[in-house]
Protein backbone atom coordinates (compact mmCIF):
# COMPACT_ATOMS: atom_id res chain seq x y z
CA MET A 1 -6.53 4.67 -35.29
CA THR A 2 -8.08 5.06 -38.71
CA SER A 3 -6.28 3.99 -41.86
CA GLY A 4 -6.01 7.66 -42.89
CA SER A 5 -4.37 8.57 -39.58
CA ALA A 6 -2.02 5.63 -39.86
CA ARG A 7 -1.02 6.70 -43.37
CA VAL A 8 -0.29 10.25 -42.22
CA THR A 9 1.73 8.96 -39.27
CA GLU A 10 3.66 6.68 -41.57
CA GLU A 11 4.48 9.53 -43.97
CA ILE A 12 5.94 11.90 -41.34
CA PRO A 13 9.48 10.43 -41.36
CA PHE A 14 9.55 10.61 -45.17
CA ARG A 15 8.40 14.24 -45.15
CA ASN A 16 11.01 15.12 -42.54
CA ALA A 17 13.74 13.38 -44.54
CA ARG A 18 12.76 15.32 -47.68
CA ALA A 19 12.82 18.59 -45.73
CA GLU A 20 16.26 17.77 -44.32
CA LEU A 21 17.61 16.91 -47.78
CA ILE A 22 16.25 20.10 -49.33
CA ALA A 23 17.60 22.11 -46.39
CA ASP A 24 21.06 20.61 -46.97
CA ILE A 25 20.92 21.53 -50.65
CA CYS A 26 19.59 24.97 -49.76
CA GLY A 27 22.54 25.58 -47.44
CA GLN A 28 25.02 24.53 -50.11
CA LYS A 29 23.35 26.74 -52.73
CA PHE A 30 23.23 29.67 -50.32
CA VAL A 31 26.92 29.43 -49.42
CA ALA A 32 27.87 29.11 -53.10
CA SER A 33 25.98 32.26 -54.07
CA THR A 34 28.09 35.29 -54.96
CA ASP A 35 26.62 37.52 -52.27
CA ALA A 36 26.29 34.99 -49.46
CA GLU A 37 27.85 37.21 -46.77
CA SER A 38 25.44 40.04 -47.49
CA GLU A 39 22.47 37.69 -47.80
CA LEU A 40 23.32 36.04 -44.48
CA LYS A 41 23.33 39.42 -42.74
CA THR A 42 19.97 40.20 -44.33
CA LEU A 43 18.57 36.83 -43.28
CA LYS A 44 19.75 37.23 -39.69
CA ALA A 45 18.20 40.72 -39.52
CA ARG A 46 14.77 39.36 -40.41
CA SER A 47 12.28 38.12 -37.85
CA SER A 48 12.07 34.36 -37.41
CA TRP A 49 8.72 34.12 -39.18
CA GLU A 50 10.09 35.94 -42.26
CA ARG A 51 13.20 33.80 -42.70
CA ASP A 52 11.59 30.84 -44.45
CA GLU A 53 10.03 33.20 -46.99
CA PHE A 54 13.45 34.77 -47.51
CA SER A 55 15.10 31.42 -48.22
CA GLN A 56 12.30 30.48 -50.62
CA GLY A 57 12.42 33.87 -52.31
CA GLY A 58 16.16 33.56 -52.83
CA GLY A 59 15.60 30.38 -54.80
CA TRP A 60 17.81 28.29 -52.52
CA THR A 61 15.04 25.79 -51.78
CA THR A 62 14.15 25.38 -55.45
CA ILE A 63 15.17 21.98 -56.77
CA ALA A 64 14.90 20.95 -60.42
CA GLY A 65 12.17 18.37 -60.90
CA ILE A 66 10.32 19.23 -57.68
CA ASN A 67 7.41 21.47 -58.55
CA ASN A 68 5.79 21.71 -55.13
CA THR A 69 7.11 23.29 -51.98
CA VAL A 70 8.61 20.72 -49.61
CA LEU A 71 6.98 21.18 -46.22
CA ASN A 72 9.39 22.59 -43.58
CA ALA A 73 12.38 22.72 -45.95
CA ALA A 74 12.63 26.52 -46.15
CA GLU A 75 12.18 26.90 -42.40
CA THR A 76 14.81 24.24 -41.68
CA CYS A 77 17.23 25.82 -44.15
CA ALA A 78 16.76 29.32 -42.74
CA HIS A 79 17.24 28.04 -39.19
CA ARG A 80 20.47 26.29 -40.14
CA LEU A 81 21.80 29.34 -41.95
CA VAL A 82 21.07 31.65 -39.03
CA ASP A 83 22.83 29.23 -36.67
CA MET A 84 26.00 28.98 -38.79
CA LYS A 85 29.17 30.44 -37.35
CA ASP A 86 30.67 31.00 -40.79
CA LEU A 87 29.89 30.33 -44.43
CA ALA A 88 32.65 27.75 -44.87
CA SER A 89 30.63 24.82 -43.56
CA PRO A 90 26.84 25.14 -43.98
CA ASN A 91 26.04 21.66 -42.64
CA ALA A 92 28.45 21.65 -39.73
CA PRO A 93 26.85 21.83 -36.30
CA VAL A 94 27.18 25.08 -34.42
CA THR A 95 29.37 24.90 -31.34
CA ASN A 96 30.33 27.41 -28.68
CA SER A 97 34.01 26.52 -28.79
């Protein structure tokens, strides 16, 4: 393995952690928005490949002090939002009970 490959491999957990953190914040911001119910219906009506763009476009993945897009954050956020049973608990796991 080259040193460049090792560095990339080493950075993956950090990138994933950043994406998870931004997705958590995104979910909280989404739920707190005034039109969350309507926006959730709109998000769920979109195709899976359009959902990350929707969450970015809504500004929910924008974090003060972070100028660049965080890889996989918008996709992770959109996936979590689509899987939510209700807007009361954006980070709670979805269950079939």
